[in-house]
Amino acid sequence: MKRLIVVGLLLAVVGGVRVYGEQPSTEEQLADFDSGPKTIDVSSYPSDMQEKYELFSRKCSKCHTLARPINSDYALPDEWSRYVKRMMRKPGSEIAPKEGKQIYEFLAYDSSIRKKELIEKKNAGGSD
């Protein structure tokens, strides 16, 4: 009986963590993110952000399409921080800590430009 309770609590905790901060894991759900814009026009961004975009493009396209993070529902800085740290731990990512910081800075800046409405909605406590 105790074992069932512990297993149930563990599943609830793991499920709750996943719902809060993870992208969908099925191929079909990930394809939704992959099907949007594949690049970002950064020509109006500051030159340092353009350089960080190049780093983001080079490093992140090694493992998945750029469309996946570009079209994700991540927008808040803490969401990008968790996402980049998770990607840095992936085998073969070859993202050094300094590069991870630059990628994070680009993604947070880009969200502040392209995802303003989503940021406002999330900050107001809305979902999706």
N, C-alpha and C. Protein backbone atom coordinates (compact mmCIF):
# COMPACT_ATOMS: atom_id res chain seq x y z
N MET A 1 0.82 -1.20 0.00
CA MET A 1 0.00 0.00 0.00
C MET A 1 0.86 1.26 0.00
N LYS A 2 1.89 1.29 0.89
CA LYS A 2 2.79 2.44 0.93
C LYS A 2 3.49 2.63 -0.41
N ARG A 3 3.86 1.49 -1.02
CA ARG A 3 4.56 1.55 -2.30
C ARG A 3 3.67 2.19 -3.36
N LEU A 4 2.39 1.86 -3.38
CA LEU A 4 1.47 2.44 -4.36
C LEU A 4 1.31 3.94 -4.14
N ILE A 5 1.24 4.34 -2.90
CA ILE A 5 1.12 5.77 -2.59
C ILE A 5 2.37 6.52 -3.06
N VAL A 6 3.55 5.96 -2.76
CA VAL A 6 4.80 6.60 -3.15
C VAL A 6 4.89 6.68 -4.67
N VAL A 7 4.56 5.60 -5.36
CA VAL A 7 4.59 5.60 -6.83
C VAL A 7 3.60 6.62 -7.38
N GLY A 8 2.42 6.68 -6.81
CA GLY A 8 1.42 7.65 -7.25
C GLY A 8 1.89 9.09 -7.06
N LEU A 9 2.46 9.36 -5.90
CA LEU A 9 2.99 10.71 -5.64
C LEU A 9 4.13 11.05 -6.59
N LEU A 10 5.01 10.08 -6.83
CA LEU A 10 6.12 10.31 -7.74
C LEU A 10 5.62 10.61 -9.15
N LEU A 11 4.65 9.86 -9.61
CA LEU A 11 4.07 10.12 -10.93
C LEU A 11 3.40 11.49 -11.00
N ALA A 12 2.73 11.87 -9.95
CA ALA A 12 2.08 13.18 -9.92
C ALA A 12 3.11 14.30 -9.98
N VAL A 13 4.20 14.15 -9.23
CA VAL A 13 5.24 15.17 -9.22
C VAL A 13 5.92 15.25 -10.59
N VAL A 14 6.30 14.12 -11.14
CA VAL A 14 6.96 14.09 -12.45
C VAL A 14 6.02 14.66 -13.50
N GLY A 15 4.78 14.26 -13.47
CA GLY A 15 3.80 14.78 -14.42
C GLY A 15 3.61 16.28 -14.28
N GLY A 16 3.58 16.78 -13.05
CA GLY A 16 3.41 18.22 -12.83
C GLY A 16 4.60 19.02 -13.32
N VAL A 17 5.80 18.52 -13.12
CA VAL A 17 6.98 19.20 -13.60
C VAL A 17 6.97 19.25 -15.12
N ARG A 18 6.60 18.16 -15.73
CA ARG A 18 6.60 18.10 -17.19
C ARG A 18 5.58 19.06 -17.78
N VAL A 19 4.40 19.12 -17.20
CA VAL A 19 3.37 20.01 -17.72
C VAL A 19 3.82 21.45 -17.62
N TYR A 20 4.51 21.82 -16.56
CA TYR A 20 4.89 23.22 -16.35
C TYR A 20 5.93 23.70 -17.35
N GLY A 21 7.00 22.94 -17.59
CA GLY A 21 8.09 23.53 -18.33
C GLY A 21 8.60 22.80 -19.55
N GLU A 22 7.96 21.78 -19.99
CA GLU A 22 8.49 21.00 -21.09
C GLU A 22 7.71 21.20 -22.37
N GLN A 23 8.42 21.07 -23.46
CA GLN A 23 7.78 21.06 -24.77
C GLN A 23 7.15 19.69 -24.99
N PRO A 24 6.20 19.59 -25.91
CA PRO A 24 5.62 18.29 -26.21
C PRO A 24 6.70 17.30 -26.62
N SER A 25 6.49 16.03 -26.34
CA SER A 25 7.53 15.06 -26.62
C SER A 25 7.22 14.14 -27.79
N THR A 26 6.00 14.08 -28.25
CA THR A 26 5.71 13.19 -29.37
C THR A 26 6.15 13.83 -30.67
N GLU A 27 6.49 13.02 -31.64
CA GLU A 27 6.95 13.53 -32.93
C GLU A 27 5.88 14.40 -33.59
N GLU A 28 4.63 14.03 -33.46
CA GLU A 28 3.54 14.81 -34.06
C GLU A 28 3.47 16.20 -33.44
N GLN A 29 3.57 16.28 -32.12
CA GLN A 29 3.51 17.58 -31.45
C GLN A 29 4.73 18.42 -31.78
N LEU A 30 5.91 17.80 -31.85
CA LEU A 30 7.11 18.55 -32.20
C LEU A 30 7.05 19.04 -33.64
N ALA A 31 6.40 18.28 -34.51
CA ALA A 31 6.27 18.69 -35.91
C ALA A 31 5.49 19.99 -36.02
N ASP A 32 4.58 20.26 -35.08
CA ASP A 32 3.85 21.53 -35.09
C ASP A 32 4.81 22.71 -34.97
N PHE A 33 5.80 22.59 -34.09
CA PHE A 33 6.79 23.65 -33.94
C PHE A 33 7.70 23.71 -35.15
N ASP A 34 8.05 22.57 -35.70
CA ASP A 34 8.95 22.51 -36.84
C ASP A 34 8.31 23.07 -38.11
N SER A 35 6.99 23.16 -38.16
CA SER A 35 6.32 23.55 -39.39
C SER A 35 6.17 25.07 -39.55
N GLY A 36 6.54 25.86 -38.57
CA GLY A 36 6.42 27.31 -38.67
C GLY A 36 7.63 27.92 -39.36
N PRO A 37 7.83 29.22 -39.18
CA PRO A 37 8.99 29.88 -39.79
C PRO A 37 10.29 29.17 -39.42
N LYS A 38 11.18 29.08 -40.38
CA LYS A 38 12.43 28.34 -40.17
C LYS A 38 13.60 29.24 -39.80
N THR A 39 13.43 30.54 -39.98
CA THR A 39 14.47 31.51 -39.65
C THR A 39 13.81 32.76 -39.08
N ILE A 40 14.64 33.65 -38.55
CA ILE A 40 14.17 34.93 -38.02
C ILE A 40 14.91 36.02 -38.78
N ASP A 41 14.18 37.03 -39.22
CA ASP A 41 14.82 38.18 -39.85
C ASP A 41 15.35 39.07 -38.73
N VAL A 42 16.66 39.04 -38.56
CA VAL A 42 17.28 39.79 -37.48
C VAL A 42 17.96 41.07 -37.99
N SER A 43 17.67 41.46 -39.21
CA SER A 43 18.35 42.61 -39.82
C SER A 43 18.12 43.91 -39.04
N SER A 44 17.03 44.01 -38.32
CA SER A 44 16.77 45.22 -37.54
C SER A 44 17.24 45.08 -36.08
N TYR A 45 17.77 43.93 -35.71
CA TYR A 45 18.26 43.71 -34.36
C TYR A 45 19.64 44.37 -34.20
N PRO A 46 20.03 44.71 -32.97
CA PRO A 46 21.37 45.24 -32.73
C PRO A 46 22.43 44.25 -33.23
N SER A 47 23.58 44.74 -33.61
CA SER A 47 24.62 43.89 -34.20
C SER A 47 25.04 42.75 -33.27
N ASP A 48 25.10 43.00 -31.95
CA ASP A 48 25.46 41.91 -31.04
C ASP A 48 24.42 40.80 -31.04
N MET A 49 23.14 41.18 -31.21
CA MET A 49 22.09 40.15 -31.27
C MET A 49 22.15 39.41 -32.61
N GLN A 50 22.53 40.08 -33.66
CA GLN A 50 22.71 39.41 -34.95
C GLN A 50 23.82 38.36 -34.85
N GLU A 51 24.90 38.70 -34.15
CA GLU A 51 26.00 37.75 -33.95
C GLU A 51 25.53 36.57 -33.09
N LYS A 52 24.75 36.85 -32.07
CA LYS A 52 24.24 35.77 -31.21
C LYS A 52 23.26 34.89 -31.97
N TYR A 53 22.52 35.48 -32.90
CA TYR A 53 21.61 34.70 -33.75
C TYR A 53 22.43 33.72 -34.61
N GLU A 54 23.54 34.17 -35.13
CA GLU A 54 24.40 33.29 -35.94
C GLU A 54 24.89 32.11 -35.10
N LEU A 55 25.30 32.38 -33.87
CA LEU A 55 25.72 31.32 -32.96
C LEU A 55 24.56 30.37 -32.68
N PHE A 56 23.41 30.93 -32.34
CA PHE A 56 22.20 30.13 -32.12
C PHE A 56 21.92 29.25 -33.34
N SER A 57 21.95 29.83 -34.52
CA SER A 57 21.66 29.08 -35.75
C SER A 57 22.64 27.94 -35.94
N ARG A 58 23.90 28.21 -35.74
CA ARG A 58 24.94 27.21 -35.97
C ARG A 58 24.86 26.07 -34.95
N LYS A 59 24.75 26.42 -33.69
CA LYS A 59 24.78 25.41 -32.63
C LYS A 59 23.48 24.61 -32.54
N CYS A 60 22.36 25.30 -32.61
CA CYS A 60 21.08 24.64 -32.34
C CYS A 60 20.58 23.80 -33.51
N SER A 61 21.03 24.13 -34.71
CA SER A 61 20.59 23.35 -35.87
C SER A 61 21.33 22.02 -35.99
N LYS A 62 22.29 21.78 -35.12
CA LYS A 62 23.00 20.50 -35.13
C LYS A 62 22.08 19.35 -34.72
N CYS A 63 21.15 19.64 -33.83
CA CYS A 63 20.33 18.57 -33.23
C CYS A 63 18.86 18.62 -33.65
N HIS A 64 18.36 19.77 -34.04
CA HIS A 64 16.95 19.90 -34.44
C HIS A 64 16.81 21.10 -35.35
N THR A 65 15.66 21.24 -35.95
CA THR A 65 15.42 22.40 -36.81
C THR A 65 15.42 23.67 -35.96
N LEU A 66 15.79 24.78 -36.56
CA LEU A 66 15.69 26.06 -35.84
C LEU A 66 14.24 26.43 -35.62
N ALA A 67 13.36 25.91 -36.47
CA ALA A 67 11.94 26.20 -36.32
C ALA A 67 11.43 25.77 -34.95
N ARG A 68 12.00 24.72 -34.39
CA ARG A 68 11.50 24.21 -33.10
C ARG A 68 11.60 25.27 -32.00
N PRO A 69 12.76 25.85 -31.71
CA PRO A 69 12.77 26.90 -30.69
C PRO A 69 12.11 28.20 -31.16
N ILE A 70 12.25 28.51 -32.45
CA ILE A 70 11.67 29.75 -32.96
C ILE A 70 10.16 29.77 -32.77
N ASN A 71 9.51 28.64 -32.98
CA ASN A 71 8.05 28.57 -32.93
C ASN A 71 7.51 28.00 -31.62
N SER A 72 8.39 27.75 -30.68
CA SER A 72 7.95 27.19 -29.40
C SER A 72 7.12 28.21 -28.64
N ASP A 73 6.47 27.74 -27.59
CA ASP A 73 5.70 28.66 -26.76
C ASP A 73 6.53 29.17 -25.58
N TYR A 74 7.84 28.99 -25.65
CA TYR A 74 8.71 29.61 -24.65
C TYR A 74 8.83 31.08 -24.99
N ALA A 75 8.76 31.93 -23.98
CA ALA A 75 8.88 33.37 -24.20
C ALA A 75 9.55 34.06 -23.01
N LEU A 76 9.31 33.56 -21.82
CA LEU A 76 9.85 34.21 -20.62
C LEU A 76 11.33 33.85 -20.43
N PRO A 77 12.11 34.76 -19.88
CA PRO A 77 13.54 34.49 -19.68
C PRO A 77 13.82 33.19 -18.92
N ASP A 78 13.06 32.91 -17.86
CA ASP A 78 13.34 31.68 -17.10
C ASP A 78 13.02 30.43 -17.91
N GLU A 79 12.06 30.50 -18.82
CA GLU A 79 11.78 29.36 -19.70
C GLU A 79 12.96 29.12 -20.64
N TRP A 80 13.50 30.20 -21.21
CA TRP A 80 14.65 30.07 -22.11
C TRP A 80 15.87 29.59 -21.34
N SER A 81 16.04 30.03 -20.12
CA SER A 81 17.18 29.60 -19.32
C SER A 81 17.14 28.09 -19.12
N ARG A 82 15.99 27.57 -18.72
CA ARG A 82 15.86 26.12 -18.53
C ARG A 82 16.07 25.37 -19.85
N TYR A 83 15.51 25.91 -20.94
CA TYR A 83 15.60 25.26 -22.25
C TYR A 83 17.07 25.17 -22.69
N VAL A 84 17.79 26.27 -22.61
CA VAL A 84 19.19 26.29 -23.07
C VAL A 84 20.03 25.37 -22.19
N LYS A 85 19.84 25.41 -20.88
CA LYS A 85 20.59 24.53 -20.00
C LYS A 85 20.33 23.07 -20.32
N ARG A 86 19.08 22.73 -20.62
CA ARG A 86 18.74 21.35 -20.98
C ARG A 86 19.43 20.97 -22.29
N MET A 87 19.45 21.87 -23.26
CA MET A 87 20.10 21.58 -24.54
C MET A 87 21.61 21.43 -24.36
N MET A 88 22.19 22.20 -23.47
CA MET A 88 23.63 22.11 -23.23
C MET A 88 24.02 20.74 -22.68
N ARG A 89 23.11 20.10 -21.96
CA ARG A 89 23.40 18.78 -21.38
C ARG A 89 23.22 17.64 -22.38
N LYS A 90 22.64 17.92 -23.53
CA LYS A 90 22.40 16.88 -24.53
C LYS A 90 23.73 16.42 -25.12
N PRO A 91 23.92 15.11 -25.26
CA PRO A 91 25.15 14.61 -25.88
C PRO A 91 25.32 15.18 -27.29
N GLY A 92 26.50 15.65 -27.58
CA GLY A 92 26.79 16.15 -28.92
C GLY A 92 26.42 17.60 -29.17
N SER A 93 25.81 18.27 -28.18
CA SER A 93 25.41 19.66 -28.42
C SER A 93 26.61 20.58 -28.59
N GLU A 94 27.68 20.26 -27.87
CA GLU A 94 28.91 21.05 -27.95
C GLU A 94 28.67 22.54 -27.72
N ILE A 95 27.77 22.84 -26.78
CA ILE A 95 27.50 24.24 -26.42
C ILE A 95 28.24 24.52 -25.12
N ALA A 96 29.27 25.36 -25.21
CA ALA A 96 30.05 25.76 -24.04
C ALA A 96 29.23 26.72 -23.19
N PRO A 97 29.55 26.85 -21.91
CA PRO A 97 28.78 27.76 -21.05
C PRO A 97 28.68 29.19 -21.59
N LYS A 98 29.77 29.75 -22.11
CA LYS A 98 29.74 31.10 -22.66
C LYS A 98 28.78 31.17 -23.86
N GLU A 99 28.81 30.14 -24.70
CA GLU A 99 27.91 30.09 -25.85
C GLU A 99 26.46 29.94 -25.40
N GLY A 100 26.24 29.11 -24.39
CA GLY A 100 24.89 28.94 -23.86
C GLY A 100 24.33 30.26 -23.36
N LYS A 101 25.16 31.05 -22.71
CA LYS A 101 24.73 32.36 -22.21
C LYS A 101 24.34 33.27 -23.39
N GLN A 102 25.13 33.25 -24.44
CA GLN A 102 24.84 34.08 -25.61
C GLN A 102 23.58 33.63 -26.32
N ILE A 103 23.38 32.32 -26.41
CA ILE A 103 22.16 31.79 -27.03
C ILE A 103 20.94 32.19 -26.21
N TYR A 104 21.05 32.04 -24.89
CA TYR A 104 19.98 32.46 -24.00
C TYR A 104 19.66 33.96 -24.19
N GLU A 105 20.70 34.78 -24.22
CA GLU A 105 20.50 36.22 -24.38
C GLU A 105 19.77 36.53 -25.70
N PHE A 106 20.14 35.82 -26.76
CA PHE A 106 19.45 36.05 -28.03
C PHE A 106 17.99 35.64 -27.92
N LEU A 107 17.73 34.45 -27.40
CA LEU A 107 16.35 33.96 -27.34
C LEU A 107 15.47 34.84 -26.45
N ALA A 108 16.00 35.30 -25.35
CA ALA A 108 15.23 36.20 -24.47
C ALA A 108 14.96 37.53 -25.19
N TYR A 109 15.97 38.06 -25.87
CA TYR A 109 15.78 39.32 -26.60
C TYR A 109 14.76 39.13 -27.73
N ASP A 110 14.94 38.09 -28.51
CA ASP A 110 14.03 37.83 -29.62
C ASP A 110 12.59 37.69 -29.14
N SER A 111 12.39 37.00 -28.04
CA SER A 111 11.04 36.86 -27.50
C SER A 111 10.46 38.22 -27.11
N SER A 112 11.31 39.10 -26.58
CA SER A 112 10.82 40.42 -26.19
C SER A 112 10.35 41.23 -27.40
N ILE A 113 10.82 40.86 -28.58
CA ILE A 113 10.43 41.54 -29.81
C ILE A 113 9.26 40.81 -30.50
N ARG A 114 9.44 39.52 -30.74
CA ARG A 114 8.46 38.78 -31.54
C ARG A 114 7.32 38.17 -30.73
N LYS A 115 7.49 38.00 -29.44
CA LYS A 115 6.49 37.29 -28.65
C LYS A 115 5.94 38.16 -27.51
N LYS A 116 5.80 39.44 -27.77
CA LYS A 116 5.31 40.37 -26.74
C LYS A 116 3.95 39.95 -26.17
N GLU A 117 3.02 39.59 -27.05
CA GLU A 117 1.68 39.21 -26.58
C GLU A 117 1.74 37.97 -25.71
N LEU A 118 2.54 36.99 -26.10
CA LEU A 118 2.67 35.77 -25.31
C LEU A 118 3.28 36.07 -23.95
N ILE A 119 4.27 36.94 -23.92
CA ILE A 119 4.89 37.33 -22.64
C ILE A 119 3.85 37.99 -21.74
N GLU A 120 3.09 38.92 -22.30
CA GLU A 120 2.05 39.59 -21.51
C GLU A 120 1.04 38.60 -20.97
N LYS A 121 0.64 37.67 -21.81
CA LYS A 121 -0.34 36.66 -21.41
C LYS A 121 0.21 35.77 -20.28
N LYS A 122 1.44 35.35 -20.43
CA LYS A 122 2.05 34.50 -19.40
C LYS A 122 2.25 35.28 -18.10
N ASN A 123 2.68 36.52 -18.20
CA ASN A 123 2.87 37.33 -17.00
C ASN A 123 1.55 37.64 -16.29
N ALA A 124 0.46 37.62 -17.05
CA ALA A 124 -0.86 37.85 -16.46
C ALA A 124 -1.46 36.58 -15.90
N GLY A 125 -0.74 35.46 -16.07
CA GLY A 125 -1.21 34.19 -15.52
C GLY A 125 -2.02 33.37 -16.49
N GLY A 126 -2.08 33.76 -17.75
CA GLY A 126 -2.81 32.99 -18.76
C GLY A 126 -1.99 31.80 -19.22
N SER A 127 -2.66 30.83 -19.78
CA SER A 127 -1.97 29.66 -20.35
C SER A 127 -2.30 29.56 -21.81
N ASP A 128 -1.39 28.89 -22.51
CA ASP A 128 -1.45 28.72 -23.98
C ASP A 128 -1.71 30.05 -24.59
